[in-house]
Amino acid sequence: MYCVCREHVELAIDKFVDEYEDAPDLVNLQTTTFSAWHPPEHCEWCGNKVEILVV
C-alpha cells in the first residue's frame, strides 16, 4: 500500500506490480474517507499532499 501525490502515482504502481505481480486499485483520497484509518499527510517520496492510495 502506498500513499502518494499525483506526481508519484506511476512510481507507486510500478513498485506495487513488482512486489505483488498484480495490478493495484487506485483510491482518490480527496473523495474517500475511512472510519478506522487516516492516511498520512505527505507523499511517501516527497513532501507534497497525499492524494492517491495505491492498494
Protein backbone atom coordinates (compact mmCIF):
# COMPACT_ATOMS: atom_id res chain seq x y z
CA MET A 1 0.00 0.00 0.00
CA TYR A 2 1.36 3.40 -0.97
CA CYS A 3 0.01 6.86 -0.15
CA VAL A 4 1.29 9.26 -2.78
CA CYS A 5 0.81 12.57 -4.54
CA ARG A 6 -0.29 12.65 -8.19
CA GLU A 7 3.33 13.10 -9.30
CA HIS A 8 4.37 9.74 -7.83
CA VAL A 9 1.37 7.57 -8.82
CA GLU A 10 3.26 5.86 -11.66
CA LEU A 11 6.19 5.05 -9.38
CA ALA A 12 3.84 3.57 -6.77
CA ILE A 13 2.05 1.49 -9.41
CA ASP A 14 5.37 0.15 -10.71
CA LYS A 15 6.55 -0.76 -7.21
CA PHE A 16 3.21 -2.42 -6.40
CA VAL A 17 3.30 -4.52 -9.58
CA ASP A 18 6.93 -5.52 -8.94
CA GLU A 19 6.11 -6.60 -5.40
CA TYR A 20 2.70 -8.27 -5.84
CA GLU A 21 2.71 -9.13 -9.58
CA ASP A 22 -0.83 -7.80 -9.86
CA ALA A 23 -2.45 -4.51 -10.83
CA PRO A 24 -3.33 -2.25 -7.89
CA ASP A 25 -6.53 -0.40 -7.14
CA LEU A 26 -6.29 3.38 -7.01
CA VAL A 27 -8.36 5.27 -4.44
CA ASN A 28 -8.81 9.03 -4.60
CA LEU A 29 -8.27 10.20 -1.02
CA GLN A 30 -9.86 13.56 -1.81
CA THR A 31 -13.28 11.91 -2.17
CA THR A 32 -12.95 8.80 0.03
CA THR A 33 -12.81 8.54 3.81
CA PHE A 34 -12.18 5.57 6.10
CA SER A 35 -13.62 5.13 9.57
CA ALA A 36 -10.72 3.18 11.09
CA TRP A 37 -7.71 4.57 9.18
CA HIS A 38 -6.35 8.03 8.46
CA PRO A 39 -3.88 8.47 5.59
CA PRO A 40 -0.59 10.27 6.18
CA GLU A 41 -0.49 13.92 5.23
CA HIS A 42 2.58 13.71 2.97
CA CYS A 43 3.59 11.58 0.00
CA GLU A 44 5.95 8.68 0.74
CA TRP A 45 8.53 10.09 -1.71
CA CYS A 46 8.20 13.85 -1.28
CA GLY A 47 6.58 16.49 0.89
CA ASN A 48 3.52 17.01 -1.29
CA LYS A 49 -0.01 16.35 -0.07
CA VAL A 50 -1.23 12.74 -0.33
CA GLU A 51 -3.96 12.37 -2.94
CA ILE A 52 -3.94 8.73 -4.08
CA LEU A 53 -3.92 5.41 -2.21
CA VAL A 54 -2.37 2.60 -4.28
CA VAL A 55 -3.54 -0.73 -2.87
